[in-house]
Amino acid sequence: MANYERVFKMSFASVYPHYVTKVEKKGKTIEELHTVIFWLTGYNEQGLQLLIDEKWDFSTFFEKAPQLNPNVGKIKGLICGYRVEEIEDPLMQKIRYLDKLIDELARGKKMESILRK
């Protein structure tokens, strides 16, 4: 597979506005986006703001995440041409889990389904 170092070193703060744009363009809210991020990572508003302010890269973002949701194994399907459940690199898989959840939110999937309830 490709060398993921470039992605791992991207700051979450540089990508976050794109997440906001993507969901708002589809009529979703920043609060819904945060619900998805918090569900996956265990962050809260203060933690999210801190990592944005300090420009943490994706590697640090997931390394310092309070708790990866125990239901991440239920996240399945294609994102960026790859099946998330088959991605071998653990960090890239977490990044793609986040991408997949945000994509589902933007596509209008019900929150209960996105949060794997």
N, C-alpha and C. Protein backbone atom coordinates (compact mmCIF):
# COMPACT_ATOMS: atom_id res chain seq x y z
N MET A 1 0.83 -1.20 0.00
CA MET A 1 0.00 0.00 0.00
C MET A 1 0.87 1.25 0.00
N ALA A 2 0.24 2.34 -0.23
CA ALA A 2 0.95 3.62 -0.34
C ALA A 2 1.62 4.01 0.98
N ASN A 3 2.55 4.92 0.86
CA ASN A 3 3.20 5.48 2.04
C ASN A 3 2.24 6.52 2.62
N TYR A 4 1.83 6.31 3.85
CA TYR A 4 0.82 7.16 4.46
C TYR A 4 1.38 8.31 5.29
N GLU A 5 2.71 8.42 5.38
CA GLU A 5 3.32 9.43 6.25
C GLU A 5 2.79 10.84 6.01
N ARG A 6 2.57 11.20 4.77
CA ARG A 6 2.07 12.53 4.45
C ARG A 6 0.70 12.76 5.10
N VAL A 7 -0.16 11.77 5.03
CA VAL A 7 -1.49 11.88 5.63
C VAL A 7 -1.36 11.95 7.16
N PHE A 8 -0.51 11.10 7.73
CA PHE A 8 -0.36 11.04 9.18
C PHE A 8 0.13 12.37 9.74
N LYS A 9 0.92 13.11 8.95
CA LYS A 9 1.51 14.37 9.41
C LYS A 9 0.63 15.59 9.10
N MET A 10 -0.48 15.38 8.37
CA MET A 10 -1.40 16.49 8.11
C MET A 10 -2.03 16.93 9.43
N SER A 11 -2.19 18.22 9.61
CA SER A 11 -2.83 18.67 10.84
C SER A 11 -4.34 18.48 10.72
N PHE A 12 -4.94 18.01 11.80
CA PHE A 12 -6.38 17.85 11.84
C PHE A 12 -7.04 19.20 11.57
N ALA A 13 -6.44 20.27 12.11
CA ALA A 13 -6.99 21.63 11.95
C ALA A 13 -7.09 22.03 10.48
N SER A 14 -6.19 21.52 9.64
CA SER A 14 -6.23 21.88 8.22
C SER A 14 -7.33 21.13 7.47
N VAL A 15 -7.75 19.99 7.99
CA VAL A 15 -8.77 19.18 7.33
C VAL A 15 -10.17 19.47 7.90
N TYR A 16 -10.21 19.84 9.17
CA TYR A 16 -11.49 20.08 9.86
C TYR A 16 -12.43 21.03 9.10
N PRO A 17 -11.94 22.17 8.56
CA PRO A 17 -12.87 23.05 7.81
C PRO A 17 -13.51 22.35 6.61
N HIS A 18 -12.81 21.40 6.01
CA HIS A 18 -13.37 20.65 4.89
C HIS A 18 -14.48 19.72 5.37
N TYR A 19 -14.30 19.13 6.55
CA TYR A 19 -15.37 18.31 7.14
C TYR A 19 -16.61 19.17 7.38
N VAL A 20 -16.40 20.36 7.95
CA VAL A 20 -17.52 21.28 8.23
C VAL A 20 -18.23 21.64 6.94
N THR A 21 -17.48 22.03 5.92
CA THR A 21 -18.06 22.40 4.63
C THR A 21 -18.86 21.24 4.05
N LYS A 22 -18.28 20.05 4.10
CA LYS A 22 -18.93 18.87 3.52
C LYS A 22 -20.29 18.61 4.17
N VAL A 23 -20.35 18.65 5.49
CA VAL A 23 -21.63 18.34 6.15
C VAL A 23 -22.62 19.50 6.05
N GLU A 24 -22.13 20.74 6.15
CA GLU A 24 -23.05 21.88 6.05
C GLU A 24 -23.65 22.01 4.66
N LYS A 25 -22.86 21.68 3.65
CA LYS A 25 -23.36 21.74 2.27
C LYS A 25 -24.53 20.78 2.08
N LYS A 26 -24.57 19.73 2.90
CA LYS A 26 -25.65 18.75 2.81
C LYS A 26 -26.73 18.97 3.87
N GLY A 27 -26.71 20.15 4.51
CA GLY A 27 -27.76 20.48 5.46
C GLY A 27 -27.56 19.94 6.86
N LYS A 28 -26.38 19.47 7.17
CA LYS A 28 -26.09 18.96 8.50
C LYS A 28 -25.38 20.04 9.31
N THR A 29 -25.28 19.85 10.62
CA THR A 29 -24.73 20.89 11.49
C THR A 29 -23.35 20.51 12.03
N ILE A 30 -22.66 21.53 12.53
CA ILE A 30 -21.37 21.30 13.18
C ILE A 30 -21.59 20.43 14.42
N GLU A 31 -22.71 20.61 15.11
CA GLU A 31 -23.01 19.80 16.29
C GLU A 31 -23.11 18.33 15.91
N GLU A 32 -23.74 18.03 14.77
CA GLU A 32 -23.83 16.64 14.32
C GLU A 32 -22.44 16.10 13.96
N LEU A 33 -21.63 16.94 13.32
CA LEU A 33 -20.26 16.56 13.00
C LEU A 33 -19.49 16.24 14.28
N HIS A 34 -19.63 17.10 15.28
CA HIS A 34 -18.94 16.87 16.55
C HIS A 34 -19.43 15.60 17.23
N THR A 35 -20.72 15.33 17.16
CA THR A 35 -21.27 14.10 17.74
C THR A 35 -20.56 12.88 17.15
N VAL A 36 -20.35 12.89 15.85
CA VAL A 36 -19.69 11.78 15.16
C VAL A 36 -18.21 11.69 15.60
N ILE A 37 -17.52 12.82 15.63
CA ILE A 37 -16.11 12.84 16.05
C ILE A 37 -15.98 12.36 17.49
N PHE A 38 -16.85 12.86 18.37
CA PHE A 38 -16.78 12.50 19.78
C PHE A 38 -17.09 11.02 19.97
N TRP A 39 -18.06 10.50 19.23
CA TRP A 39 -18.41 9.09 19.33
C TRP A 39 -17.21 8.21 18.98
N LEU A 40 -16.53 8.55 17.90
CA LEU A 40 -15.40 7.74 17.45
C LEU A 40 -14.21 7.83 18.39
N THR A 41 -13.90 9.03 18.87
CA THR A 41 -12.63 9.27 19.55
C THR A 41 -12.70 9.47 21.06
N GLY A 42 -13.86 9.80 21.58
CA GLY A 42 -13.97 10.10 23.01
C GLY A 42 -13.62 11.55 23.35
N TYR A 43 -13.24 12.35 22.35
CA TYR A 43 -12.98 13.76 22.63
C TYR A 43 -14.27 14.46 23.04
N ASN A 44 -14.13 15.63 23.67
CA ASN A 44 -15.25 16.51 23.96
C ASN A 44 -14.94 17.86 23.32
N GLU A 45 -15.80 18.86 23.56
CA GLU A 45 -15.61 20.17 22.92
C GLU A 45 -14.24 20.77 23.27
N GLN A 46 -13.86 20.73 24.56
CA GLN A 46 -12.58 21.33 24.95
C GLN A 46 -11.41 20.60 24.30
N GLY A 47 -11.45 19.28 24.30
CA GLY A 47 -10.38 18.50 23.70
C GLY A 47 -10.26 18.76 22.21
N LEU A 48 -11.40 18.86 21.53
CA LEU A 48 -11.40 19.13 20.10
C LEU A 48 -10.83 20.52 19.82
N GLN A 49 -11.24 21.50 20.60
CA GLN A 49 -10.74 22.86 20.40
C GLN A 49 -9.23 22.92 20.66
N LEU A 50 -8.76 22.23 21.67
CA LEU A 50 -7.33 22.20 21.99
C LEU A 50 -6.53 21.63 20.83
N LEU A 51 -6.97 20.50 20.30
CA LEU A 51 -6.20 19.87 19.22
C LEU A 51 -6.24 20.69 17.95
N ILE A 52 -7.32 21.43 17.73
CA ILE A 52 -7.38 22.33 16.57
C ILE A 52 -6.44 23.52 16.80
N ASP A 53 -6.52 24.11 17.99
CA ASP A 53 -5.66 25.27 18.31
C ASP A 53 -4.18 24.91 18.24
N GLU A 54 -3.83 23.72 18.70
CA GLU A 54 -2.42 23.31 18.73
C GLU A 54 -1.98 22.63 17.43
N LYS A 55 -2.92 22.53 16.49
CA LYS A 55 -2.63 21.97 15.16
C LYS A 55 -2.01 20.56 15.22
N TRP A 56 -2.64 19.69 16.00
CA TRP A 56 -2.18 18.31 16.09
C TRP A 56 -2.31 17.64 14.74
N ASP A 57 -1.35 16.79 14.42
CA ASP A 57 -1.46 15.99 13.19
C ASP A 57 -2.37 14.79 13.47
N PHE A 58 -2.73 14.07 12.41
CA PHE A 58 -3.64 12.93 12.59
C PHE A 58 -3.03 11.85 13.48
N SER A 59 -1.74 11.69 13.41
CA SER A 59 -1.06 10.71 14.26
C SER A 59 -1.30 11.05 15.73
N THR A 60 -1.07 12.30 16.10
CA THR A 60 -1.27 12.75 17.48
C THR A 60 -2.75 12.75 17.84
N PHE A 61 -3.59 13.15 16.90
CA PHE A 61 -5.05 13.18 17.11
C PHE A 61 -5.55 11.82 17.60
N PHE A 62 -5.14 10.75 16.94
CA PHE A 62 -5.61 9.42 17.34
C PHE A 62 -4.81 8.85 18.51
N GLU A 63 -3.54 9.20 18.59
CA GLU A 63 -2.70 8.72 19.69
C GLU A 63 -3.24 9.24 21.03
N LYS A 64 -3.70 10.49 21.06
CA LYS A 64 -4.17 11.12 22.29
C LYS A 64 -5.68 11.01 22.47
N ALA A 65 -6.36 10.37 21.55
CA ALA A 65 -7.82 10.24 21.67
C ALA A 65 -8.14 9.54 22.99
N PRO A 66 -9.09 10.10 23.75
CA PRO A 66 -9.41 9.51 25.05
C PRO A 66 -9.79 8.03 24.97
N GLN A 67 -10.58 7.68 23.97
CA GLN A 67 -10.97 6.27 23.83
C GLN A 67 -11.60 6.06 22.46
N LEU A 68 -11.02 5.15 21.71
CA LEU A 68 -11.64 4.78 20.44
C LEU A 68 -12.90 3.99 20.77
N ASN A 69 -14.00 4.31 20.13
CA ASN A 69 -15.26 3.64 20.44
C ASN A 69 -15.13 2.13 20.24
N PRO A 70 -15.63 1.34 21.20
CA PRO A 70 -15.52 -0.12 21.07
C PRO A 70 -16.31 -0.69 19.88
N ASN A 71 -17.21 0.09 19.30
CA ASN A 71 -18.00 -0.40 18.16
C ASN A 71 -17.39 -0.05 16.80
N VAL A 72 -16.13 0.38 16.76
CA VAL A 72 -15.54 0.74 15.47
C VAL A 72 -15.52 -0.44 14.51
N GLY A 73 -15.46 -1.64 15.02
CA GLY A 73 -15.47 -2.82 14.17
C GLY A 73 -16.74 -2.97 13.35
N LYS A 74 -17.78 -2.24 13.75
CA LYS A 74 -19.05 -2.28 13.00
C LYS A 74 -19.04 -1.32 11.81
N ILE A 75 -17.99 -0.50 11.70
CA ILE A 75 -17.89 0.42 10.56
C ILE A 75 -17.34 -0.36 9.38
N LYS A 76 -18.14 -0.48 8.35
CA LYS A 76 -17.74 -1.27 7.18
C LYS A 76 -18.09 -0.50 5.92
N GLY A 77 -17.48 -0.91 4.83
CA GLY A 77 -17.83 -0.31 3.55
C GLY A 77 -16.65 0.39 2.90
N LEU A 78 -16.93 0.97 1.74
CA LEU A 78 -15.89 1.62 0.94
C LEU A 78 -15.73 3.09 1.30
N ILE A 79 -14.49 3.52 1.34
CA ILE A 79 -14.16 4.93 1.45
C ILE A 79 -12.85 5.14 0.69
N CYS A 80 -12.85 6.09 -0.20
CA CYS A 80 -11.66 6.37 -1.04
C CYS A 80 -11.18 5.12 -1.77
N GLY A 81 -12.11 4.27 -2.17
CA GLY A 81 -11.76 3.08 -2.94
C GLY A 81 -11.27 1.90 -2.13
N TYR A 82 -11.26 2.03 -0.81
CA TYR A 82 -10.78 0.92 0.04
C TYR A 82 -11.88 0.52 1.00
N ARG A 83 -11.94 -0.78 1.31
CA ARG A 83 -12.85 -1.26 2.32
C ARG A 83 -12.21 -0.95 3.68
N VAL A 84 -12.90 -0.17 4.51
CA VAL A 84 -12.30 0.26 5.77
C VAL A 84 -11.93 -0.92 6.66
N GLU A 85 -12.72 -1.97 6.60
CA GLU A 85 -12.45 -3.13 7.46
C GLU A 85 -11.22 -3.93 7.01
N GLU A 86 -10.71 -3.65 5.81
CA GLU A 86 -9.55 -4.39 5.29
C GLU A 86 -8.26 -3.57 5.29
N ILE A 87 -8.32 -2.33 5.74
CA ILE A 87 -7.11 -1.49 5.77
C ILE A 87 -6.19 -2.03 6.86
N GLU A 88 -4.96 -2.36 6.47
CA GLU A 88 -4.04 -3.02 7.40
C GLU A 88 -3.35 -2.07 8.37
N ASP A 89 -3.02 -0.87 7.94
CA ASP A 89 -2.34 0.07 8.82
C ASP A 89 -3.34 0.60 9.86
N PRO A 90 -3.10 0.39 11.15
CA PRO A 90 -4.07 0.78 12.17
C PRO A 90 -4.41 2.27 12.18
N LEU A 91 -3.42 3.14 11.99
CA LEU A 91 -3.69 4.57 12.00
C LEU A 91 -4.49 4.98 10.77
N MET A 92 -4.12 4.48 9.60
CA MET A 92 -4.88 4.81 8.39
C MET A 92 -6.31 4.29 8.51
N GLN A 93 -6.48 3.14 9.13
CA GLN A 93 -7.83 2.61 9.30
C GLN A 93 -8.66 3.56 10.18
N LYS A 94 -8.08 4.10 11.24
CA LYS A 94 -8.82 5.03 12.10
C LYS A 94 -9.18 6.31 11.34
N ILE A 95 -8.25 6.80 10.54
CA ILE A 95 -8.52 7.99 9.73
C ILE A 95 -9.67 7.72 8.76
N ARG A 96 -9.66 6.56 8.15
CA ARG A 96 -10.72 6.20 7.20
C ARG A 96 -12.05 5.94 7.90
N TYR A 97 -12.00 5.44 9.15
CA TYR A 97 -13.24 5.32 9.93
C TYR A 97 -13.88 6.70 10.07
N LEU A 98 -13.05 7.69 10.42
CA LEU A 98 -13.56 9.05 10.57
C LEU A 98 -14.13 9.55 9.25
N ASP A 99 -13.39 9.35 8.16
CA ASP A 99 -13.88 9.75 6.84
C ASP A 99 -15.21 9.10 6.51
N LYS A 100 -15.32 7.80 6.81
CA LYS A 100 -16.53 7.05 6.50
C LYS A 100 -17.72 7.60 7.29
N LEU A 101 -17.53 7.86 8.58
CA LEU A 101 -18.62 8.38 9.40
C LEU A 101 -19.08 9.76 8.92
N ILE A 102 -18.12 10.61 8.58
CA ILE A 102 -18.46 11.95 8.09
C ILE A 102 -19.17 11.86 6.75
N ASP A 103 -18.73 10.94 5.91
CA ASP A 103 -19.38 10.71 4.62
C ASP A 103 -20.83 10.26 4.82
N GLU A 104 -21.04 9.34 5.77
CA GLU A 104 -22.40 8.87 6.05
C GLU A 104 -23.28 10.02 6.55
N LEU A 105 -22.73 10.87 7.41
CA LEU A 105 -23.47 12.03 7.90
C LEU A 105 -23.86 12.94 6.75
N ALA A 106 -22.91 13.23 5.88
CA ALA A 106 -23.17 14.11 4.74
C ALA A 106 -24.19 13.50 3.78
N ARG A 107 -24.23 12.19 3.69
CA ARG A 107 -25.18 11.53 2.80
C ARG A 107 -26.58 11.42 3.40
N GLY A 108 -26.72 11.86 4.65
CA GLY A 108 -28.05 11.88 5.25
C GLY A 108 -28.45 10.62 5.98
N LYS A 109 -27.50 9.77 6.26
CA LYS A 109 -27.80 8.56 7.03
C LYS A 109 -28.27 8.96 8.43
N LYS A 110 -29.16 8.18 9.02
CA LYS A 110 -29.66 8.48 10.35
C LYS A 110 -28.55 8.37 11.38
N MET A 111 -28.57 9.25 12.36
CA MET A 111 -27.51 9.30 13.38
C MET A 111 -27.39 7.96 14.13
N GLU A 112 -28.52 7.31 14.42
CA GLU A 112 -28.47 6.02 15.12
C GLU A 112 -27.66 5.00 14.32
N SER A 113 -27.82 5.04 13.01
CA SER A 113 -27.10 4.14 12.13
C SER A 113 -25.61 4.49 12.06
N ILE A 114 -25.31 5.80 11.96
CA ILE A 114 -23.92 6.25 11.90
C ILE A 114 -23.20 5.85 13.18
N LEU A 115 -23.87 5.98 14.32
CA LEU A 115 -23.27 5.68 15.61
C LEU A 115 -23.38 4.20 15.97
N ARG A 116 -23.77 3.40 15.00
CA ARG A 116 -23.80 1.94 15.12
C ARG A 116 -24.59 1.46 16.34
N LYS A 117 -25.83 2.02 16.46
CA LYS A 117 -26.69 1.63 17.59
C LYS A 117 -27.61 0.52 17.18
